[in-house]
Amino acid sequence: MRFKKRYLLYKIEGQKLTEKELRLVVNKSIAGFIGEMGTSEANIKIMGFNEVKQLFFIRSALDSVETIIAALAFVTSFNNGSVALRLQKMSGSVKHVWTEDKQAK
C-alpha cells in the first residue's frame, strides 16, 4: 500500500553539522518526541543534504507532518553547541522542495 508523503526542507542554523551528525540529531529528536512506534509510522527518511548551505530535506508520511515539525522545532543543541532546524518549505513533490533551492543563490 502506498502512503501519502510530504517533503520538508530545513535550514540548519548555529553550528555546522556533517551529514552523519545531522542524521543523529534528526533521529534522536524524533524518537525522543514520538517514540519508536511513532517514528516507524512517520516513515522518515533524509533525502538530501547540502553541507555547504546547511540545507536538508526529509520525507515524511502525511499524517505525521505536524508531529515531525514539532519534534525538529525542539532541537536546540548538539555536542555543547547551539543548533536550530528551521523549516523553509513543505511540498508533496521533491521537485518543488529541492531543485528550486539548488538553483537559488
N, C-alpha and C. Protein backbone atom coordinates (compact mmCIF):
# COMPACT_ATOMS: atom_id res chain seq x y z
N MET A 1 0.83 -1.17 0.00
CA MET A 1 0.00 0.00 0.00
C MET A 1 0.88 1.25 0.00
N ARG A 2 0.58 2.19 -0.86
CA ARG A 2 1.33 3.45 -0.92
C ARG A 2 0.80 4.41 0.12
N PHE A 3 1.69 5.15 0.69
CA PHE A 3 1.27 6.16 1.66
C PHE A 3 1.51 7.54 1.07
N LYS A 4 0.68 8.50 1.46
CA LYS A 4 0.88 9.88 1.02
C LYS A 4 2.03 10.46 1.82
N LYS A 5 2.85 11.22 1.14
CA LYS A 5 4.04 11.75 1.80
C LYS A 5 4.18 13.25 1.55
N ARG A 6 4.97 13.87 2.39
CA ARG A 6 5.32 15.27 2.24
C ARG A 6 6.83 15.41 2.38
N TYR A 7 7.36 16.40 1.71
CA TYR A 7 8.79 16.68 1.76
C TYR A 7 8.98 18.02 2.47
N LEU A 8 9.89 18.03 3.43
CA LEU A 8 10.14 19.21 4.25
C LEU A 8 11.58 19.66 4.06
N LEU A 9 11.76 20.93 3.71
CA LEU A 9 13.09 21.50 3.54
C LEU A 9 13.45 22.27 4.80
N TYR A 10 14.62 21.97 5.35
CA TYR A 10 15.10 22.63 6.58
C TYR A 10 16.44 23.29 6.36
N LYS A 11 16.66 24.36 7.11
CA LYS A 11 17.95 25.04 7.15
C LYS A 11 18.50 24.86 8.56
N ILE A 12 19.79 24.54 8.64
CA ILE A 12 20.46 24.37 9.92
C ILE A 12 21.09 25.70 10.29
N GLU A 13 20.74 26.22 11.46
CA GLU A 13 21.31 27.47 11.94
C GLU A 13 22.15 27.18 13.18
N GLY A 14 23.18 27.98 13.37
CA GLY A 14 24.07 27.77 14.51
C GLY A 14 25.29 26.99 14.06
N GLN A 15 25.64 25.99 14.81
CA GLN A 15 26.83 25.21 14.48
C GLN A 15 26.63 24.42 13.19
N LYS A 16 27.70 24.24 12.43
CA LYS A 16 27.63 23.48 11.19
C LYS A 16 27.67 21.99 11.51
N LEU A 17 26.84 21.22 10.80
CA LEU A 17 26.75 19.78 11.01
C LEU A 17 27.18 19.02 9.77
N THR A 18 27.76 17.86 9.98
CA THR A 18 28.04 16.94 8.87
C THR A 18 26.78 16.11 8.65
N GLU A 19 26.76 15.33 7.59
CA GLU A 19 25.59 14.50 7.32
C GLU A 19 25.37 13.47 8.43
N LYS A 20 26.45 12.90 8.91
CA LYS A 20 26.35 11.90 9.98
C LYS A 20 25.77 12.53 11.26
N GLU A 21 26.24 13.72 11.61
CA GLU A 21 25.73 14.42 12.79
C GLU A 21 24.26 14.81 12.61
N LEU A 22 23.92 15.24 11.40
CA LEU A 22 22.54 15.61 11.10
C LEU A 22 21.61 14.42 11.30
N ARG A 23 21.99 13.28 10.77
CA ARG A 23 21.17 12.07 10.91
C ARG A 23 20.97 11.72 12.39
N LEU A 24 22.02 11.86 13.17
CA LEU A 24 21.94 11.59 14.60
C LEU A 24 20.98 12.56 15.29
N VAL A 25 21.09 13.84 14.99
CA VAL A 25 20.23 14.86 15.59
C VAL A 25 18.76 14.61 15.23
N VAL A 26 18.48 14.38 13.95
CA VAL A 26 17.11 14.18 13.50
C VAL A 26 16.50 12.93 14.12
N ASN A 27 17.23 11.82 14.05
CA ASN A 27 16.71 10.56 14.59
C ASN A 27 16.49 10.63 16.10
N LYS A 28 17.43 11.22 16.81
CA LYS A 28 17.32 11.34 18.27
C LYS A 28 16.15 12.24 18.65
N SER A 29 15.99 13.34 17.95
CA SER A 29 14.91 14.29 18.24
C SER A 29 13.54 13.67 18.00
N ILE A 30 13.38 13.02 16.88
CA ILE A 30 12.08 12.44 16.53
C ILE A 30 11.75 11.26 17.44
N ALA A 31 12.72 10.40 17.67
CA ALA A 31 12.48 9.25 18.55
C ALA A 31 12.18 9.70 19.98
N GLY A 32 12.84 10.74 20.43
CA GLY A 32 12.58 11.25 21.77
C GLY A 32 11.22 11.90 21.90
N PHE A 33 10.72 12.44 20.82
CA PHE A 33 9.43 13.16 20.85
C PHE A 33 8.24 12.23 20.67
N ILE A 34 8.35 11.29 19.72
CA ILE A 34 7.19 10.43 19.42
C ILE A 34 7.44 8.95 19.66
N GLY A 35 8.64 8.59 20.10
CA GLY A 35 8.93 7.20 20.41
C GLY A 35 9.23 6.37 19.17
N GLU A 36 9.58 5.12 19.41
CA GLU A 36 9.96 4.22 18.31
C GLU A 36 8.79 3.89 17.40
N MET A 37 7.63 3.64 17.99
CA MET A 37 6.47 3.28 17.17
C MET A 37 6.03 4.47 16.30
N GLY A 38 6.02 5.66 16.88
CA GLY A 38 5.65 6.85 16.13
C GLY A 38 6.64 7.15 15.02
N THR A 39 7.93 6.92 15.30
CA THR A 39 8.97 7.11 14.29
C THR A 39 8.76 6.16 13.12
N SER A 40 8.42 4.93 13.45
CA SER A 40 8.17 3.94 12.40
C SER A 40 6.96 4.33 11.55
N GLU A 41 5.90 4.79 12.18
CA GLU A 41 4.70 5.20 11.46
C GLU A 41 4.93 6.45 10.62
N ALA A 42 5.83 7.33 11.07
CA ALA A 42 6.10 8.57 10.34
C ALA A 42 6.89 8.31 9.06
N ASN A 43 7.58 7.19 9.00
CA ASN A 43 8.34 6.79 7.81
C ASN A 43 9.29 7.90 7.35
N ILE A 44 10.13 8.35 8.25
CA ILE A 44 11.07 9.45 8.00
C ILE A 44 12.27 8.95 7.20
N LYS A 45 12.69 9.78 6.25
CA LYS A 45 13.92 9.50 5.51
C LYS A 45 14.56 10.82 5.11
N ILE A 46 15.84 10.97 5.42
CA ILE A 46 16.58 12.15 4.96
C ILE A 46 16.92 11.91 3.50
N MET A 47 16.39 12.76 2.63
CA MET A 47 16.50 12.54 1.20
C MET A 47 17.67 13.30 0.56
N GLY A 48 18.07 14.41 1.14
CA GLY A 48 19.15 15.19 0.57
C GLY A 48 19.77 16.10 1.61
N PHE A 49 21.06 16.40 1.42
CA PHE A 49 21.78 17.26 2.35
C PHE A 49 22.82 18.06 1.60
N ASN A 50 22.83 19.36 1.82
CA ASN A 50 23.83 20.25 1.22
C ASN A 50 24.66 20.80 2.38
N GLU A 51 25.87 20.27 2.54
CA GLU A 51 26.71 20.63 3.68
C GLU A 51 27.18 22.07 3.62
N VAL A 52 27.40 22.60 2.42
CA VAL A 52 27.86 23.97 2.27
C VAL A 52 26.78 24.96 2.70
N LYS A 53 25.56 24.79 2.19
CA LYS A 53 24.45 25.69 2.52
C LYS A 53 23.75 25.31 3.81
N GLN A 54 24.09 24.14 4.38
CA GLN A 54 23.46 23.63 5.59
C GLN A 54 21.94 23.51 5.40
N LEU A 55 21.56 22.87 4.30
CA LEU A 55 20.16 22.59 3.98
C LEU A 55 19.97 21.09 3.87
N PHE A 56 18.81 20.62 4.27
CA PHE A 56 18.48 19.22 4.06
C PHE A 56 16.98 19.09 3.89
N PHE A 57 16.56 17.98 3.27
CA PHE A 57 15.13 17.75 3.20
C PHE A 57 14.83 16.31 3.55
N ILE A 58 13.67 16.14 4.16
CA ILE A 58 13.25 14.82 4.60
C ILE A 58 11.88 14.49 4.02
N ARG A 59 11.63 13.19 3.92
CA ARG A 59 10.32 12.70 3.50
C ARG A 59 9.62 12.18 4.74
N SER A 60 8.33 12.45 4.84
CA SER A 60 7.54 12.02 5.98
C SER A 60 6.15 11.60 5.51
N ALA A 61 5.53 10.72 6.26
CA ALA A 61 4.13 10.37 5.99
C ALA A 61 3.26 11.60 6.24
N LEU A 62 2.27 11.80 5.41
CA LEU A 62 1.39 12.96 5.51
C LEU A 62 0.76 13.10 6.89
N ASP A 63 0.33 12.00 7.47
CA ASP A 63 -0.33 12.03 8.78
C ASP A 63 0.60 12.47 9.91
N SER A 64 1.91 12.41 9.71
CA SER A 64 2.87 12.70 10.77
C SER A 64 3.58 14.04 10.59
N VAL A 65 3.23 14.81 9.59
CA VAL A 65 3.96 16.04 9.28
C VAL A 65 4.00 17.01 10.46
N GLU A 66 2.87 17.28 11.07
CA GLU A 66 2.84 18.24 12.18
C GLU A 66 3.69 17.76 13.35
N THR A 67 3.67 16.48 13.62
CA THR A 67 4.46 15.92 14.71
C THR A 67 5.94 16.04 14.42
N ILE A 68 6.34 15.79 13.18
CA ILE A 68 7.75 15.89 12.79
C ILE A 68 8.22 17.34 12.89
N ILE A 69 7.40 18.27 12.42
CA ILE A 69 7.76 19.69 12.52
C ILE A 69 7.95 20.09 13.98
N ALA A 70 7.06 19.64 14.84
CA ALA A 70 7.18 19.95 16.27
C ALA A 70 8.43 19.33 16.87
N ALA A 71 8.71 18.08 16.54
CA ALA A 71 9.88 17.40 17.09
C ALA A 71 11.17 18.11 16.69
N LEU A 72 11.28 18.53 15.44
CA LEU A 72 12.50 19.19 14.98
C LEU A 72 12.60 20.63 15.48
N ALA A 73 11.48 21.24 15.83
CA ALA A 73 11.50 22.60 16.36
C ALA A 73 12.12 22.64 17.76
N PHE A 74 12.09 21.52 18.46
CA PHE A 74 12.65 21.46 19.82
C PHE A 74 14.16 21.25 19.85
N VAL A 75 14.79 21.06 18.72
CA VAL A 75 16.25 20.88 18.69
C VAL A 75 16.90 22.23 18.99
N THR A 76 17.74 22.25 20.03
CA THR A 76 18.41 23.49 20.42
C THR A 76 19.92 23.34 20.56
N SER A 77 20.41 22.11 20.70
CA SER A 77 21.85 21.94 20.89
C SER A 77 22.32 20.59 20.38
N PHE A 78 23.62 20.53 20.12
CA PHE A 78 24.28 19.29 19.73
C PHE A 78 25.75 19.42 20.09
N ASN A 79 26.27 18.47 20.82
CA ASN A 79 27.68 18.47 21.25
C ASN A 79 28.10 19.81 21.87
N ASN A 80 27.33 20.29 22.81
CA ASN A 80 27.62 21.53 23.55
C ASN A 80 27.63 22.78 22.68
N GLY A 81 27.07 22.70 21.49
CA GLY A 81 26.95 23.87 20.62
C GLY A 81 25.48 24.12 20.31
N SER A 82 25.13 25.36 20.05
CA SER A 82 23.73 25.64 19.75
C SER A 82 23.44 25.37 18.27
N VAL A 83 22.29 24.80 18.04
CA VAL A 83 21.86 24.49 16.67
C VAL A 83 20.34 24.58 16.63
N ALA A 84 19.81 25.01 15.51
CA ALA A 84 18.36 25.09 15.33
C ALA A 84 18.03 24.61 13.92
N LEU A 85 16.94 23.88 13.80
CA LEU A 85 16.48 23.40 12.50
C LEU A 85 15.23 24.20 12.13
N ARG A 86 15.34 25.01 11.09
CA ARG A 86 14.26 25.91 10.69
C ARG A 86 13.59 25.41 9.41
N LEU A 87 12.29 25.21 9.47
CA LEU A 87 11.51 24.78 8.31
C LEU A 87 11.48 25.90 7.29
N GLN A 88 11.85 25.58 6.04
CA GLN A 88 11.85 26.57 4.97
C GLN A 88 10.67 26.37 4.01
N LYS A 89 10.44 25.12 3.62
CA LYS A 89 9.37 24.81 2.66
C LYS A 89 8.79 23.44 2.97
N MET A 90 7.56 23.23 2.47
CA MET A 90 6.93 21.93 2.56
C MET A 90 6.17 21.71 1.26
N SER A 91 6.25 20.50 0.72
CA SER A 91 5.57 20.22 -0.54
C SER A 91 5.28 18.72 -0.65
N GLY A 92 4.41 18.38 -1.56
CA GLY A 92 4.11 16.99 -1.85
C GLY A 92 5.01 16.45 -2.94
N SER A 93 5.91 17.29 -3.46
CA SER A 93 6.79 16.91 -4.55
C SER A 93 8.23 17.26 -4.23
N VAL A 94 9.13 16.35 -4.53
CA VAL A 94 10.56 16.60 -4.31
C VAL A 94 11.01 17.78 -5.16
N LYS A 95 10.53 17.85 -6.38
CA LYS A 95 10.94 18.89 -7.33
C LYS A 95 10.70 20.29 -6.77
N HIS A 96 9.59 20.48 -6.10
CA HIS A 96 9.26 21.81 -5.59
C HIS A 96 10.04 22.18 -4.33
N VAL A 97 10.59 21.20 -3.66
CA VAL A 97 11.34 21.48 -2.44
C VAL A 97 12.83 21.60 -2.71
N TRP A 98 13.39 20.69 -3.47
CA TRP A 98 14.84 20.59 -3.56
C TRP A 98 15.44 21.26 -4.78
N THR A 99 14.94 21.02 -5.98
CA THR A 99 15.58 21.55 -7.18
C THR A 99 15.55 23.07 -7.24
N GLU A 100 14.48 23.71 -6.83
CA GLU A 100 14.42 25.17 -6.83
C GLU A 100 15.51 25.74 -5.94
N ASP A 101 15.69 25.14 -4.78
CA ASP A 101 16.64 25.67 -3.82
C ASP A 101 18.09 25.45 -4.28
N LYS A 102 18.35 24.36 -5.00
CA LYS A 102 19.70 24.12 -5.51
C LYS A 102 20.10 25.20 -6.51
N GLN A 103 19.13 25.66 -7.28
CA GLN A 103 19.41 26.67 -8.30
C GLN A 103 19.48 28.07 -7.71
N ALA A 104 18.82 28.29 -6.61
CA ALA A 104 18.82 29.63 -5.99
C ALA A 104 20.17 29.92 -5.35
N LYS A 105 20.61 31.13 -5.52
CA LYS A 105 21.86 31.64 -4.94
C LYS A 105 22.99 30.68 -5.15
